[in-house]
Protein backbone atom coordinates (compact mmCIF):
# COMPACT_ATOMS: atom_id res chain seq x y z
CA MET A 1 94.72 107.51 105.81
CA HIS A 2 97.51 105.70 107.23
CA LEU A 3 97.82 104.43 110.47
CA THR A 4 101.17 104.83 112.23
CA ALA A 5 102.90 101.34 113.14
CA HIS A 6 102.62 101.97 116.65
CA THR A 7 98.65 102.10 115.91
CA ASP A 8 98.84 98.97 113.82
CA TYR A 9 100.52 97.09 116.36
CA SER A 10 97.99 98.20 119.18
CA LEU A 11 94.96 96.79 117.37
CA ARG A 12 96.98 93.91 116.51
CA VAL A 13 98.05 93.09 120.37
CA LEU A 14 94.39 93.71 121.39
CA MET A 15 93.37 91.15 119.41
CA TYR A 16 95.19 88.76 120.20
CA LEU A 17 94.55 89.23 123.72
CA ASN A 18 90.60 88.88 123.02
CA GLN A 19 91.09 85.61 122.07
CA GLU A 20 93.00 84.24 125.02
CA GLN A 21 91.82 83.95 128.37
CA LYS A 22 95.37 83.82 130.09
CA PRO A 23 98.13 86.25 130.11
CA ILE A 24 100.41 86.51 127.20
CA THR A 25 104.25 87.37 127.86
CA LEU A 26 105.61 89.66 125.18
CA SER A 27 107.81 86.94 124.12
CA GLU A 28 105.23 85.12 122.65
CA LEU A 29 103.11 87.76 121.90
CA SER A 30 106.38 89.11 119.24
CA GLU A 31 106.55 85.30 117.96
CA LYS A 32 102.69 85.30 117.08
CA LEU A 33 102.21 88.71 115.95
CA ALA A 34 106.28 89.10 114.14
CA VAL A 35 106.57 92.07 115.89
CA SER A 36 109.54 93.25 117.74
CA ARG A 37 109.84 92.92 121.61
CA ASN A 38 110.85 96.33 121.68
CA ASN A 39 107.73 97.53 120.32
CA LEU A 40 105.69 95.58 122.02
CA ILE A 41 107.25 96.88 125.36
CA LYS A 42 106.02 100.36 124.23
CA VAL A 43 102.24 99.18 123.12
CA SER A 44 101.83 96.99 126.15
CA ASN A 45 102.92 99.85 128.43
CA GLN A 46 100.64 102.81 126.82
CA LEU A 47 97.64 100.18 126.52
CA ALA A 48 98.28 99.78 130.16
CA LYS A 49 98.12 103.40 130.91
CA LEU A 50 95.19 103.69 128.61
CA ASN A 51 93.30 100.89 130.76
CA LEU A 52 92.65 98.76 127.89
CA ILE A 53 95.12 95.63 129.47
CA ASP A 54 96.09 94.35 132.78
CA THR A 55 100.05 93.67 132.75
CA THR A 56 101.28 91.47 135.86
CA ARG A 57 104.79 90.57 136.75
CA GLY A 58 106.67 87.47 137.64
CA ARG A 59 106.46 83.67 136.37
CA ALA A 60 102.74 83.80 135.82
CA GLY A 61 102.54 87.50 134.72
CA GLY A 62 101.89 88.73 131.23
CA LEU A 63 99.53 90.60 129.40
CA LEU A 64 95.31 90.09 129.72
CA ILE A 65 92.97 92.36 128.29
CA LYS A 66 90.48 94.07 130.09
CA GLU A 67 86.55 92.47 129.65
CA GLU A 68 84.83 95.86 128.74
CA THR A 69 88.07 96.28 125.86
CA GLY A 70 86.23 94.08 123.92
CA GLU A 71 83.27 96.47 123.83
CA LYS A 72 85.57 99.77 122.74
CA THR A 73 84.63 101.01 119.14
CA LEU A 74 87.78 101.07 116.98
CA ARG A 75 87.05 104.59 116.97
CA ASP A 76 87.56 105.00 120.35
CA ILE A 77 91.13 102.39 120.68
CA ILE A 78 92.60 104.61 117.08
CA TYR A 79 91.70 107.98 118.48
CA GLN A 80 93.97 107.34 121.77
CA THR A 81 96.64 106.00 119.88
CA GLU A 82 97.01 107.67 116.98
CA THR A 83 97.76 111.37 115.70
CA PHE A 84 95.56 112.82 113.20
CA ASN A 85 97.65 115.58 111.23
CA LEU A 86 96.90 114.99 107.77
CA ALA A 87 99.09 118.08 107.29
CA GLU A 88 101.70 120.11 108.58
CA CYS A 89 98.91 123.16 109.05
CA PHE A 90 97.19 120.25 111.67
CA SER A 91 100.17 120.52 113.81
CA CYS A 92 100.77 123.93 114.54
CA GLU A 93 98.30 127.30 113.63
CA LYS A 94 101.66 129.60 112.56
CA CYS A 95 103.39 127.29 109.90
CA GLY A 96 103.62 130.04 107.26
CA CYS A 97 101.12 128.71 105.74
CA THR A 98 99.75 131.54 103.15
CA PHE A 99 96.25 129.98 102.63
CA LEU A 100 95.31 129.25 107.06
CA ARG A 101 92.50 131.78 107.19
CA ASN A 102 90.74 131.14 104.32
CA CYS A 103 91.74 126.83 103.90
CA PHE A 104 89.00 125.09 102.24
CA LEU A 105 91.50 122.37 101.73
CA ARG A 106 91.74 121.82 105.68
CA LYS A 107 88.84 121.92 105.86
CA SER A 108 87.94 119.15 103.43
CA LEU A 109 90.83 117.06 104.88
CA SER A 110 89.05 117.55 108.84
CA ASP A 111 85.74 116.27 106.97
CA ALA A 112 87.47 113.10 105.65
CA LEU A 113 89.31 112.32 108.83
CA GLU A 114 85.94 112.48 110.70
CA ALA A 115 84.27 110.38 108.10
CA PHE A 116 86.54 107.72 108.62
CA LEU A 117 86.34 108.20 112.14
CA SER A 118 82.65 107.90 111.74
CA SER A 119 83.14 104.64 110.27
CA LEU A 120 85.57 102.84 112.85
CA ALA A 121 82.52 104.00 115.59
CA GLN A 122 80.25 101.25 113.82
CA LYS A 123 82.29 98.25 115.06
CA THR A 124 84.21 97.11 118.41
CA LEU A 125 86.99 95.11 119.02
CA ASN A 126 84.76 92.17 119.91
CA ASP A 127 83.18 92.67 116.14
CA VAL A 128 86.56 92.34 113.95
CA THR A 129 88.82 90.20 116.69
CA PRO A 130 88.44 86.30 114.90
CA LYS A 131 86.64 83.64 117.21
CA PRO A 132 88.95 81.25 118.85
CA ASN A 133 89.85 78.42 117.53
CA LYS A 134 90.57 76.39 119.97
CA ARG A 135 92.56 74.25 116.71
CA ASN A 136 95.42 76.53 116.02
CA ILE A 137 94.58 80.11 116.84
CA ASN A 138 97.90 81.09 114.83
CA ASN A 139 95.88 81.05 112.00
CA ASN A 140 92.96 83.17 112.68
CA MET A 141 95.99 85.49 113.37
CA LYS A 142 97.80 84.96 110.03
CA GLU A 143 94.44 85.62 108.27
CA ILE A 144 94.54 88.73 109.76
CA LEU A 145 98.13 90.26 109.19
């Protein structure tokens, strides 16, 4: 199983924001997470639409995680940001697969995906976010990356 870069960035943004108590700008996030600002714009827009973060424009603006987001499971977050087409046959019913009607591979891959997601349901964002270190929060994020 390989998560897309979008989901990876989404998780990193949420973890970083989960350590902060103040709005964080896209420029600061880009620098701290080593992710391009353009990618972070796309990620933050989706996270705001999913109601996981608040965004504020202006001089004192930035991104701020919603308090309840920390209690969401990794499964809930990843399920909203990831596309789970493990094989071509997952994305279409009429893709020309000769085994589609009696495909045991598709069932096996679906079972594996469900096991993967079930394991992620055991941890919340708070569980996997490093505790804020007032001296140097950047070291915590470097350990994650």
